[in-house]
N, C-alpha and C. Protein backbone atom coordinates (compact mmCIF):
# COMPACT_ATOMS: atom_id res chain seq x y z
N MET A 1 157.75 142.44 94.77
CA MET A 1 159.26 143.31 95.47
C MET A 1 158.49 143.42 97.59
N LEU A 2 157.26 144.04 97.42
CA LEU A 2 157.03 144.57 98.83
C LEU A 2 156.74 142.99 99.67
N SER A 3 155.65 141.73 99.10
CA SER A 3 155.43 140.93 99.92
C SER A 3 156.84 140.45 99.95
N GLU A 4 158.41 140.42 98.92
CA GLU A 4 159.37 139.50 99.52
C GLU A 4 160.17 140.76 100.76
N LEU A 5 160.05 141.90 100.70
CA LEU A 5 160.48 142.84 101.73
C LEU A 5 160.26 142.12 103.08
N PHE A 6 158.49 142.16 103.04
CA PHE A 6 158.47 141.47 104.56
C PHE A 6 158.54 140.71 105.24
N ASN A 7 158.73 139.43 104.16
CA ASN A 7 158.73 137.88 104.15
C ASN A 7 160.56 138.38 104.84
N ARG A 8 161.41 138.96 104.13
CA ARG A 8 163.46 138.89 104.16
C ARG A 8 163.31 139.93 105.69
N ALA A 9 162.09 140.62 106.24
CA ALA A 9 162.81 142.05 107.30
C ALA A 9 163.20 141.04 108.08
N ASN A 10 164.04 141.29 109.78
CA ASN A 10 164.47 140.60 110.53
C ASN A 10 163.29 140.49 111.30
N SER A 11 161.80 141.36 111.27
CA SER A 11 160.78 141.65 111.79
C SER A 11 160.33 142.37 111.70
N ILE A 12 158.77 142.36 111.95
CA ILE A 12 157.93 143.33 111.96
C ILE A 12 158.20 143.98 111.79
N GLY A 13 158.54 143.99 113.71
CA GLY A 13 158.59 145.54 114.48
C GLY A 13 159.80 146.66 114.01
N SER A 14 160.77 145.47 113.84
CA SER A 14 161.74 147.10 113.23
C SER A 14 161.91 147.18 111.51
N LEU A 15 161.04 147.19 111.08
CA LEU A 15 160.44 147.51 109.77
C LEU A 15 159.77 148.76 109.89
N LEU A 16 158.76 148.79 111.18
CA LEU A 16 157.99 148.74 111.17
C LEU A 16 158.85 150.23 112.17
N LYS A 17 159.56 150.52 112.92
CA LYS A 17 160.57 151.37 113.66
C LYS A 17 161.12 151.89 112.78
N PHE A 18 161.61 151.33 111.26
CA PHE A 18 162.27 151.71 110.45
C PHE A 18 161.60 152.61 109.63
N ILE A 19 160.08 152.49 109.10
CA ILE A 19 159.33 153.09 108.13
C ILE A 19 159.23 154.80 108.99
N ALA A 20 158.34 154.32 110.74
CA ALA A 20 158.14 155.48 111.67
C ALA A 20 159.39 156.28 111.59
N GLN A 21 160.47 156.38 111.41
CA GLN A 21 161.64 157.52 111.60
C GLN A 21 162.50 157.59 110.20
N HIS A 22 161.34 157.24 109.44
CA HIS A 22 162.07 157.70 108.12
C HIS A 22 160.83 158.03 107.16
N TYR A 23 159.44 157.88 107.27
CA TYR A 23 158.97 158.16 106.55
C TYR A 23 157.33 158.64 107.49
N SER A 24 157.24 159.83 107.58
CA SER A 24 155.71 159.95 108.90
C SER A 24 155.62 161.43 107.95
N SER A 25 155.06 161.07 106.85
CA SER A 25 153.94 161.75 106.24
C SER A 25 153.97 161.05 104.98
N GLU A 26 152.65 161.57 104.59
CA GLU A 26 152.31 161.31 103.32
C GLU A 26 153.61 161.18 101.58
N SER A 27 154.12 160.28 101.58
CA SER A 27 155.04 160.68 100.50
C SER A 27 155.09 159.00 99.65
N THR A 28 156.20 158.36 99.27
CA THR A 28 156.04 157.71 97.94
C THR A 28 157.51 157.57 97.48
N ASN A 29 158.18 156.57 98.65
CA ASN A 29 159.93 156.49 98.82
C ASN A 29 160.67 155.32 98.25
N GLU A 30 161.87 154.94 97.62
CA GLU A 30 162.12 153.56 97.47
C GLU A 30 163.10 153.36 99.06
N LEU A 31 162.13 152.02 99.37
CA LEU A 31 162.87 151.93 100.76
C LEU A 31 163.69 150.20 100.70
N LYS A 32 165.11 150.59 101.24
CA LYS A 32 165.79 149.52 101.44
C LYS A 32 166.46 149.19 102.13
N ILE A 33 166.40 147.81 102.40
CA ILE A 33 166.67 146.90 103.86
C ILE A 33 167.84 146.11 103.49
N ASN A 34 168.94 145.84 104.13
CA ASN A 34 169.68 144.96 104.28
C ASN A 34 169.79 143.55 104.41
N TYR A 35 169.49 142.39 104.23
CA TYR A 35 168.98 140.73 104.67
C TYR A 35 170.06 140.23 104.08
N ASP A 36 170.67 139.76 104.74
CA ASP A 36 171.30 137.88 104.62
C ASP A 36 172.57 139.08 103.80
N ASN A 37 173.45 139.92 103.57
CA ASN A 37 173.90 140.43 102.42
C ASN A 37 173.28 140.57 100.67
N ARG A 38 172.11 141.24 101.20
CA ARG A 38 170.77 141.62 100.09
C ARG A 38 170.59 142.59 99.84
N ASP A 39 170.64 143.85 98.89
CA ASP A 39 170.06 144.85 99.40
C ASP A 39 168.78 143.85 98.87
N ILE A 40 167.23 143.94 99.50
CA ILE A 40 165.51 144.09 99.66
C ILE A 40 165.37 145.70 98.85
N SER A 41 164.90 145.80 98.51
CA SER A 41 164.07 147.36 97.69
C SER A 41 162.50 147.55 97.37
N ALA A 42 161.94 147.78 97.72
CA ALA A 42 160.77 148.62 96.96
C ALA A 42 159.84 149.70 97.40
N THR A 43 159.23 150.27 96.26
CA THR A 43 158.13 151.59 96.25
C THR A 43 157.36 151.32 97.55
N LEU A 44 157.36 152.49 98.80
CA LEU A 44 156.86 152.10 100.07
C LEU A 44 155.95 153.40 99.26
N ARG A 45 154.65 153.72 99.80
CA ARG A 45 154.00 154.59 99.50
C ARG A 45 153.26 154.94 100.97
N ILE A 46 153.74 155.96 101.56
CA ILE A 46 153.04 156.51 103.36
C ILE A 46 151.37 157.27 102.26
N ILE A 47 150.59 156.57 103.23
CA ILE A 47 149.33 158.06 103.92
C ILE A 47 148.96 157.45 105.21
N PRO A 48 148.99 159.05 105.50
CA PRO A 48 148.30 158.71 106.96
C PRO A 48 146.66 158.69 106.72
N ILE A 49 145.86 157.88 107.41
CA ILE A 49 144.86 157.48 107.69
C ILE A 49 144.47 158.26 108.63
N PRO A 50 143.10 159.04 108.76
CA PRO A 50 142.49 159.37 109.41
C PRO A 50 141.38 158.48 110.15
N VAL A 51 141.93 158.91 111.76
CA VAL A 51 140.92 158.98 112.54
C VAL A 51 139.46 159.13 112.72
N GLU A 52 138.39 158.52 112.66
CA GLU A 52 137.42 159.36 113.27
C GLU A 52 137.64 159.53 114.89
N LYS A 53 136.79 160.07 115.37
CA LYS A 53 136.66 160.49 116.91
C LYS A 53 135.86 159.77 117.03
N SER A 54 136.26 159.45 118.67
CA SER A 54 135.49 158.85 119.19
C SER A 54 133.72 159.48 119.44
N ASN A 55 132.78 159.12 120.40
CA ASN A 55 131.82 159.49 120.62
C ASN A 55 132.36 160.72 122.09
N ARG A 56 132.87 159.46 122.77
CA ARG A 56 133.66 160.33 124.11
C ARG A 56 134.20 161.92 123.80
N GLN A 57 135.04 161.57 122.40
CA GLN A 57 135.96 163.14 121.88
C GLN A 57 135.58 163.79 121.28
N LYS A 58 133.72 163.19 120.69
CA LYS A 58 133.10 164.59 120.55
C LYS A 58 132.12 165.39 121.11
N ASN A 59 132.19 164.44 122.66
CA ASN A 59 131.88 165.46 123.79
C ASN A 59 131.96 166.01 124.38
N HIS A 60 133.45 166.37 123.79
CA HIS A 60 134.11 167.61 124.30
C HIS A 60 133.94 168.56 123.31
N MET A 61 133.33 168.62 122.10
CA MET A 61 133.16 169.56 121.06
C MET A 61 132.25 169.92 121.46
N ILE A 62 130.82 169.29 122.81
CA ILE A 62 129.27 170.27 122.94
C ILE A 62 129.15 170.67 124.49
N GLU A 63 128.96 172.32 123.93
CA GLU A 63 128.67 172.75 124.75
C GLU A 63 127.65 172.94 125.56
N ILE A 64 126.68 172.96 126.53
CA ILE A 64 125.48 173.19 127.39
C ILE A 64 125.75 173.91 128.16
N ARG A 65 124.59 174.97 127.49
CA ARG A 65 124.39 176.28 128.55
C ARG A 65 122.96 176.22 128.38
N LYS A 66 122.10 178.01 129.13
CA LYS A 66 121.31 178.03 129.16
C LYS A 66 120.51 178.39 127.60
N PRO A 67 119.48 178.57 127.29
CA PRO A 67 119.11 179.63 125.82
C PRO A 67 118.87 180.89 126.45
N THR A 68 118.73 182.10 125.48
CA THR A 68 118.21 182.97 125.43
C THR A 68 117.15 183.34 124.60
N HIS A 69 116.53 184.90 124.56
CA HIS A 69 115.16 185.10 123.35
C HIS A 69 116.19 184.40 122.82
N ASP A 70 116.60 184.85 121.91
CA ASP A 70 117.71 184.79 120.97
C ASP A 70 117.57 183.36 120.06
N ASP A 71 117.45 182.34 121.30
CA ASP A 71 117.30 181.47 120.92
C ASP A 71 115.81 180.67 120.89
N ILE A 72 114.46 181.59 120.69
CA ILE A 72 113.03 180.88 120.52
C ILE A 72 113.09 180.19 119.72
N PRO A 73 113.42 180.95 118.78
CA PRO A 73 113.50 180.31 117.24
C PRO A 73 113.03 179.09 117.60
N PHE A 74 115.18 178.31 116.99
CA PHE A 74 115.47 177.44 117.33
C PHE A 74 114.33 176.19 118.48
N LEU A 75 114.23 177.05 119.42
CA LEU A 75 113.23 175.69 120.45
C LEU A 75 111.84 176.16 119.75
N VAL A 76 111.64 176.48 119.34
CA VAL A 76 110.12 175.99 118.61
C VAL A 76 110.12 175.18 117.80
N GLU A 77 110.81 175.67 116.48
CA GLU A 77 111.17 174.65 115.72
C GLU A 77 111.56 173.32 116.08
N SER A 78 112.52 172.65 117.12
CA SER A 78 113.10 171.64 117.63
C SER A 78 111.28 170.81 118.29
N ASN A 79 110.96 172.24 118.81
CA ASN A 79 109.51 171.15 119.77
C ASN A 79 108.83 170.63 118.50
N TYR A 80 108.34 172.08 117.57
CA TYR A 80 107.51 171.15 116.44
C TYR A 80 108.07 170.38 115.56
N CYS A 81 109.52 170.07 115.25
CA CYS A 81 110.07 168.80 115.06
C CYS A 81 109.66 167.49 115.11
N MET A 82 110.13 167.65 116.52
CA MET A 82 109.96 166.97 117.60
C MET A 82 107.93 166.30 117.45
N ALA A 83 107.42 167.26 118.02
CA ALA A 83 105.72 166.78 118.32
C ALA A 83 105.32 165.61 116.97
N LYS A 84 106.47 166.34 115.32
CA LYS A 84 105.64 165.71 113.62
C LYS A 84 106.28 164.73 114.03
N GLU A 85 107.86 164.21 114.59
CA GLU A 85 108.34 163.17 114.18
C GLU A 85 107.83 162.16 114.96
N THR A 86 107.92 161.95 116.30
CA THR A 86 106.92 161.32 117.26
C THR A 86 105.90 160.74 117.51
N GLU A 87 104.32 161.90 117.11
CA GLU A 87 103.55 161.68 117.68
C GLU A 87 102.62 161.99 116.10
N GLU A 88 103.69 162.33 115.48
CA GLU A 88 102.63 162.79 114.11
C GLU A 88 101.49 164.35 114.40
N LYS A 89 102.09 164.82 115.10
CA LYS A 89 100.77 166.08 115.90
C LYS A 89 101.04 166.86 114.95
N GLU A 90 100.57 168.36 114.25
CA GLU A 90 101.19 169.22 114.16
C GLU A 90 100.87 170.69 115.14
N LEU A 91 101.94 170.92 116.15
CA LEU A 91 101.64 172.27 116.69
C LEU A 91 101.18 173.69 116.13
N ASN A 92 100.05 174.13 116.72
CA ASN A 92 100.21 175.40 116.82
C ASN A 92 101.56 176.63 116.79
N ARG A 93 101.93 177.51 116.25
CA ARG A 93 103.18 177.43 116.19
C ARG A 93 103.45 179.07 117.13
N LEU A 94 101.80 179.43 116.70
CA LEU A 94 102.11 180.69 117.61
C LEU A 94 102.04 180.41 118.86
N VAL A 95 101.45 179.05 119.62
CA VAL A 95 100.68 178.97 120.54
C VAL A 95 102.37 177.80 121.04
N LEU A 96 102.45 177.56 120.28
CA LEU A 96 103.98 177.16 121.40
C LEU A 96 104.77 178.05 121.50
N GLU A 97 105.08 179.07 120.95
CA GLU A 97 106.32 180.35 120.67
C GLU A 97 106.03 181.01 122.01
N GLN A 98 104.60 180.86 122.25
CA GLN A 98 104.62 181.91 123.65
C GLN A 98 104.30 180.77 124.85
N GLY A 99 103.73 179.44 124.62
CA GLY A 99 104.86 178.39 125.39
C GLY A 99 105.58 178.54 126.27
N VAL A 100 106.61 178.52 124.85
CA VAL A 100 108.29 178.89 125.07
C VAL A 100 108.76 179.40 125.91
N ARG A 101 108.48 181.04 124.91
CA ARG A 101 108.77 182.56 125.24
C ARG A 101 108.07 182.33 127.16
N ALA A 102 107.22 181.97 127.67
CA ALA A 102 107.01 181.59 128.70
C ALA A 102 107.55 181.15 130.15
N VAL A 103 108.74 179.91 129.44
CA VAL A 103 109.57 179.30 130.47
C VAL A 103 110.38 180.32 130.24
N LEU A 104 111.71 180.85 128.96
CA LEU A 104 112.17 180.84 129.97
C LEU A 104 112.09 182.96 130.49
N ASP A 105 110.77 182.96 130.24
CA ASP A 105 110.55 184.63 131.02
C ASP A 105 110.52 184.47 132.83
N ASP A 106 109.87 182.51 132.84
CA ASP A 106 109.67 182.14 134.55
C ASP A 106 109.83 180.47 134.53
N PRO A 107 110.58 180.47 134.93
CA PRO A 107 111.77 179.60 135.55
C PRO A 107 110.99 178.39 136.23
N ALA A 108 109.76 178.76 136.97
CA ALA A 108 108.98 177.99 137.78
C ALA A 108 108.50 177.33 136.46
N LYS A 109 108.30 177.61 135.77
CA LYS A 109 107.64 176.92 135.03
C LYS A 109 108.80 175.55 134.02
N GLY A 110 109.63 175.86 133.98
CA GLY A 110 110.30 174.88 132.99
C GLY A 110 111.93 175.37 133.44
N GLN A 111 112.95 174.93 132.66
CA GLN A 111 114.51 174.84 132.71
C GLN A 111 114.11 174.60 131.01
N TYR A 112 114.98 175.19 130.17
CA TYR A 112 115.19 174.68 129.15
C TYR A 112 116.70 174.65 128.99
N TRP A 113 117.51 173.69 128.53
CA TRP A 113 119.00 173.40 128.17
C TRP A 113 119.10 173.44 126.82
N LEU A 114 120.75 174.11 126.08
CA LEU A 114 121.05 173.57 124.63
C LEU A 114 122.31 172.93 124.51
N ALA A 115 122.72 171.65 123.70
CA ALA A 115 123.50 170.92 123.91
C ALA A 115 124.17 172.05 122.15
N CYS A 116 125.34 172.90 122.30
CA CYS A 116 125.91 173.23 121.23
C CYS A 116 126.93 172.89 120.73
N LYS A 117 127.03 173.51 119.04
CA LYS A 117 128.40 173.11 118.57
C LYS A 117 129.07 173.90 118.32
N THR A 118 130.55 174.37 118.36
CA THR A 118 130.83 175.92 117.71
C THR A 118 129.88 177.12 117.88
N GLY A 119 128.72 176.87 118.83
CA GLY A 119 128.25 177.67 119.00
C GLY A 119 126.84 178.21 119.05
N ALA A 120 126.65 176.77 117.52
CA ALA A 120 125.45 177.38 117.27
C ALA A 120 124.56 175.86 117.48
N PRO A 121 123.34 175.78 118.72
CA PRO A 121 122.61 175.16 119.45
C PRO A 121 121.98 173.91 117.82
N ILE A 122 122.58 172.66 118.17
CA ILE A 122 122.61 171.13 117.54
C ILE A 122 121.16 169.95 118.75
N GLY A 123 120.66 171.02 120.00
CA GLY A 123 119.69 169.62 120.48
C GLY A 123 118.95 170.30 121.90
N GLN A 124 118.12 170.53 122.13
CA GLN A 124 117.30 171.09 123.16
C GLN A 124 117.04 170.32 124.76
N LEU A 125 116.53 170.52 125.69
CA LEU A 125 116.11 169.35 126.43
C LEU A 125 115.45 170.70 127.68
N MET A 126 114.52 170.13 127.64
CA MET A 126 113.63 170.63 128.89
C MET A 126 113.13 170.17 130.28
N ILE A 127 112.87 170.97 131.49
CA ILE A 127 112.73 170.08 132.33
C ILE A 127 111.07 170.93 132.97
N THR A 128 110.62 170.21 134.08
CA THR A 128 109.90 170.54 135.25
C THR A 128 110.78 169.47 136.01
N LEU A 129 109.62 170.18 137.68
CA LEU A 129 109.76 169.73 138.23
C LEU A 129 108.57 169.32 138.96
N GLU A 130 108.29 168.32 139.67
CA GLU A 130 107.39 167.39 140.53
C GLU A 130 107.40 167.53 141.97
N TRP A 131 107.50 167.74 143.53
CA TRP A 131 107.53 167.39 144.48
C TRP A 131 106.30 166.14 144.89
N SER A 132 107.51 165.44 145.04
CA SER A 132 106.96 163.70 146.02
C SER A 132 107.19 164.01 147.10
N ASP A 133 105.49 163.65 147.97
CA ASP A 133 105.85 163.60 149.01
C ASP A 133 105.99 162.23 150.00
N TRP A 134 105.96 161.42 149.16
CA TRP A 134 106.01 160.31 149.48
C TRP A 134 107.88 160.57 150.13
N ARG A 135 108.52 161.30 148.99
CA ARG A 135 109.86 160.73 149.21
C ARG A 135 111.08 162.22 149.72
N ASN A 136 109.56 162.82 150.14
CA ASN A 136 110.35 164.12 150.37
C ASN A 136 111.29 165.11 149.18
N GLY A 137 110.92 164.66 148.03
CA GLY A 137 112.06 165.69 147.66
C GLY A 137 111.44 165.32 145.53
N TRP A 138 112.65 165.82 145.00
CA TRP A 138 111.75 166.03 144.02
C TRP A 138 111.88 165.33 142.49
N PHE A 139 111.24 165.17 141.65
CA PHE A 139 111.59 164.81 140.60
C PHE A 139 111.87 165.49 139.24
N TRP A 140 112.66 165.36 138.55
CA TRP A 140 112.89 166.16 137.87
C TRP A 140 112.65 165.05 136.24
N TRP A 141 111.35 166.53 136.07
CA TRP A 141 110.80 165.27 134.08
C TRP A 141 111.55 166.36 133.61
N ILE A 142 111.84 164.96 132.39
CA ILE A 142 112.18 165.96 131.29
C ILE A 142 111.13 165.66 130.80
N GLN A 143 110.25 166.82 129.65
CA GLN A 143 109.19 166.81 128.82
C GLN A 143 109.74 167.46 127.38
N SER A 144 110.89 167.62 126.67
CA SER A 144 111.13 167.55 126.00
C SER A 144 112.59 167.16 125.61
N VAL A 145 112.90 166.50 124.23
CA VAL A 145 113.93 166.15 124.04
C VAL A 145 114.24 166.17 122.74
N TYR A 146 115.47 166.60 122.02
CA TYR A 146 115.02 166.98 120.73
C TYR A 146 117.10 166.98 120.15
N VAL A 147 117.30 166.08 118.82
CA VAL A 147 118.51 166.40 118.52
C VAL A 147 118.54 166.73 117.22
N LEU A 148 119.21 167.72 116.83
CA LEU A 148 119.03 168.14 115.11
C LEU A 148 119.20 166.14 114.23
N PRO A 149 118.47 166.11 113.28
CA PRO A 149 118.71 164.38 112.44
C PRO A 149 120.35 164.30 112.49
N THR A 150 120.80 164.94 111.18
CA THR A 150 122.23 165.45 110.93
C THR A 150 123.35 165.04 112.22
N CYS A 151 123.11 165.53 113.32
CA CYS A 151 123.51 165.94 114.84
C CYS A 151 123.80 164.64 115.57
N ARG A 152 122.48 163.10 115.24
CA ARG A 152 122.46 162.26 115.86
C ARG A 152 123.56 161.01 116.21
N ARG A 153 123.22 160.50 117.47
CA ARG A 153 124.90 159.30 117.68
C ARG A 153 125.92 159.58 117.16
N GLU A 154 126.27 161.49 117.79
CA GLU A 154 127.69 161.88 118.55
C GLU A 154 127.57 162.52 119.42
N GLY A 155 126.92 161.41 120.51
CA GLY A 155 126.48 161.83 121.73
C GLY A 155 125.97 162.93 121.65
N VAL A 156 125.01 164.30 121.27
CA VAL A 156 124.24 165.22 122.00
C VAL A 156 123.93 165.10 122.94
N PHE A 157 122.74 163.13 123.06
CA PHE A 157 121.58 163.36 124.19
C PHE A 157 122.31 163.18 125.43
N ARG A 158 123.62 162.19 125.43
CA ARG A 158 124.31 161.84 126.55
C ARG A 158 125.42 163.05 127.15
N SER A 159 125.58 164.29 125.70
CA SER A 159 126.03 165.38 127.05
C SER A 159 124.77 165.98 128.17
N LEU A 160 123.62 166.27 126.91
CA LEU A 160 122.85 166.77 127.98
C LEU A 160 122.58 165.62 128.97
N TRP A 161 122.24 164.79 128.82
CA TRP A 161 121.48 164.02 130.19
C TRP A 161 123.42 164.10 131.00
N GLN A 162 124.32 163.70 130.72
CA GLN A 162 125.45 164.29 132.04
C GLN A 162 125.32 165.45 132.49
N SER A 163 124.92 166.12 131.84
CA SER A 163 124.77 167.64 132.19
C SER A 163 123.59 168.08 133.23
N LEU A 164 122.50 167.29 133.00
CA LEU A 164 121.79 167.30 133.75
C LEU A 164 121.65 166.59 134.52
N ILE A 165 121.84 165.22 134.94
CA ILE A 165 122.54 164.73 136.47
C ILE A 165 123.50 165.73 137.13
N THR A 166 124.89 166.50 136.89
CA THR A 166 125.44 167.05 137.32
C THR A 166 124.72 168.43 138.25
N ARG A 167 123.90 169.13 137.16
CA ARG A 167 123.18 169.79 138.06
C ARG A 167 122.53 169.64 138.93
N ALA A 168 121.52 168.39 138.32
CA ALA A 168 120.47 167.58 139.80
C ALA A 168 121.76 167.94 140.96
N LEU A 169 122.39 166.74 141.22
CA LEU A 169 123.35 166.80 142.09
C LEU A 169 123.50 167.81 142.71
N ALA A 170 124.61 168.89 141.61
CA ALA A 170 124.37 170.52 141.81
C ALA A 170 123.82 171.03 143.49
N HIS A 171 122.77 170.79 142.53
CA HIS A 171 121.14 171.04 142.92
C HIS A 171 121.21 170.97 144.37
N GLN A 172 121.23 169.68 144.28
CA GLN A 172 121.18 168.46 146.03
C GLN A 172 121.88 169.80 146.49
N GLU A 173 123.12 170.02 146.85
CA GLU A 173 124.03 170.03 147.41
C GLU A 173 124.04 171.62 147.78
N GLN A 174 123.57 172.21 146.53
CA GLN A 174 123.94 173.49 147.17
C GLN A 174 122.08 173.70 147.75
N THR A 175 120.81 173.16 147.89
CA THR A 175 119.30 173.72 148.73
C THR A 175 119.32 172.97 149.46
N GLY A 176 119.47 171.26 150.07
CA GLY A 176 119.97 170.41 150.69
C GLY A 176 118.32 169.83 150.24
N GLU A 177 117.73 170.21 149.23
CA GLU A 177 116.60 169.25 148.89
C GLU A 177 117.21 168.27 147.51
N LYS A 178 116.66 167.01 148.49
CA LYS A 178 116.60 165.85 147.50
C LYS A 178 116.00 165.96 146.15
N VAL A 179 117.67 165.15 145.34
CA VAL A 179 116.89 164.82 143.64
C VAL A 179 116.37 163.59 143.81
N VAL A 180 115.11 163.30 144.00
CA VAL A 180 115.30 162.09 143.91
C VAL A 180 115.68 160.99 142.79
N GLY A 181 115.04 162.14 141.78
CA GLY A 181 115.43 161.13 140.26
C GLY A 181 114.83 162.01 139.09
N ILE A 182 114.68 161.34 138.11
CA ILE A 182 115.33 161.75 137.04
C ILE A 182 114.00 160.77 136.14
N ARG A 183 112.28 161.61 135.21
CA ARG A 183 111.47 160.65 134.96
C ARG A 183 111.39 161.89 133.10
N LEU A 184 111.33 160.65 132.74
CA LEU A 184 110.30 161.31 131.29
C LEU A 184 109.24 160.14 130.85
N TYR A 185 108.84 160.61 130.33
CA TYR A 185 107.21 159.49 129.82
C TYR A 185 108.05 159.92 127.49
N VAL A 186 107.90 158.44 127.15
CA VAL A 186 107.91 158.50 125.39
C VAL A 186 107.01 157.17 124.83
N GLU A 187 106.39 157.58 123.75
CA GLU A 187 105.60 157.22 123.01
C GLU A 187 105.34 155.76 122.81
N LYS A 188 104.70 154.70 123.51
CA LYS A 188 105.40 153.09 123.43
C LYS A 188 105.68 152.49 122.05
N GLU A 189 105.20 153.46 120.40
CA GLU A 189 106.06 153.09 119.57
C GLU A 189 107.33 153.81 119.07
N ASN A 190 108.03 154.47 119.87
CA ASN A 190 109.17 154.77 120.03
C ASN A 190 110.00 153.83 120.33
N TYR A 191 110.37 153.18 120.04
CA TYR A 191 111.60 152.11 120.20
C TYR A 191 112.82 152.37 120.53
N ARG A 192 113.31 153.52 118.79
CA ARG A 192 114.45 154.17 119.00
C ARG A 192 114.80 154.93 120.28
N ALA A 193 114.17 155.93 120.69
CA ALA A 193 114.45 156.64 121.81
C ALA A 193 114.24 155.73 122.85
N ALA A 194 112.86 155.08 123.06
CA ALA A 194 113.46 154.20 124.65
C ALA A 194 114.81 153.68 124.10
N LYS A 195 115.08 153.28 123.23
CA LYS A 195 116.49 152.11 123.95
C LYS A 195 117.76 153.30 124.58
N VAL A 196 117.57 154.31 123.58
CA VAL A 196 118.63 155.12 123.68
C VAL A 196 118.68 155.92 125.34
N TYR A 197 116.97 155.70 126.14
CA TYR A 197 117.71 155.94 127.18
C TYR A 197 117.85 155.08 128.09
N GLN A 198 117.40 154.14 128.00
CA GLN A 198 117.83 152.76 128.54
C GLN A 198 119.36 152.46 128.66
N SER A 199 119.72 153.18 127.79
CA SER A 199 121.33 153.75 127.40
C SER A 199 121.91 153.98 128.71
N VAL A 200 122.03 155.03 128.78
CA VAL A 200 121.85 155.45 129.67
C VAL A 200 121.54 155.83 131.13
N GLY A 201 120.72 154.43 131.51
CA GLY A 201 120.82 154.03 133.23
C GLY A 201 119.70 154.29 133.22
N MET A 202 118.16 154.63 132.14
CA MET A 202 116.95 154.78 133.21
C MET A 202 116.49 153.65 132.53
N VAL A 203 115.08 153.11 133.55
CA VAL A 203 114.55 151.67 133.09
C VAL A 203 112.84 151.96 133.16
N ASP A 204 112.54 151.15 132.40
CA ASP A 204 111.07 151.59 132.64
C ASP A 204 110.29 151.24 134.19
N ALA A 205 109.70 152.55 134.01
CA ALA A 205 108.92 152.53 135.67
C ALA A 205 107.69 151.77 135.93
N SER A 206 106.94 151.01 134.72
CA SER A 206 105.76 150.38 134.29
C SER A 206 104.75 151.22 135.32
N TYR A 207 104.49 152.49 134.83
CA TYR A 207 103.37 153.23 134.98
C TYR A 207 102.57 153.05 134.10
N TYR A 208 100.99 153.31 133.32
CA TYR A 208 100.86 153.81 132.94
C TYR A 208 100.43 155.53 132.83
N VAL A 209 100.35 156.59 131.86
CA VAL A 209 99.77 157.89 131.68
C VAL A 209 98.40 158.08 131.14
N TYR A 210 97.67 158.48 131.94
CA TYR A 210 95.97 158.46 131.76
C TYR A 210 96.07 160.51 131.85
N GLU A 211 95.27 161.18 131.05
CA GLU A 211 95.29 162.46 131.08
C GLU A 211 93.50 163.44 130.76
N TRP A 212 93.40 164.07 130.93
CA TRP A 212 92.47 164.59 131.04
C TRP A 212 92.57 165.95 130.07
N LEU A 213 92.17 166.13 129.61
CA LEU A 213 92.37 167.77 128.32
C LEU A 213 91.35 168.52 128.22
N ASN A 214 91.24 169.91 128.57
CA ASN A 214 90.46 170.99 129.20
C ASN A 214 90.30 171.91 127.32
N LYS A 215 89.47 170.76 126.69
CA LYS A 215 89.32 171.78 125.32
C LYS A 215 88.08 172.68 125.30
């Protein structure tokens, strides 16, 4: 009977208009439409369908703030998990905690930013500054970035990234010192992370990274 109702209605538009006017919430009702002097009826169940929020809408729920010393456990755990996940390294938690605390105590060593949802941290990003004599300006280096696995693909990194760009431009405006760009390094096999960085406009800088470690 419902298919006949649709076939005989003057138009789908008029049918939808009628439904919207009379059945705005979940209910089961007898729907009657007069067509060609015939009463056509059918039982119609109206069920509201939840619409999933887009990443852009979810971004509005994410707050970016500076951490306090109360956030040290989260920062330590995030760095520990990141090293284990991306480089299969087990960091010394005591040394890691001392390193995190040193950054919070001395902003010249670096700056952390937290992404929070309903007040709870769900991601973090840390930058250090490098002066470029070639360009007479600063490069901001992302040294660590981590998002809780349960909160990935929800725009958390993009929120951190957009906040970082905003702060870089504000720093340039306030100090007159140019922020040349933002850089990071990523493990060669970490294709998933590389894809995320490319999605926000970063490009492969075509450099190798060499190091000497004082053991």
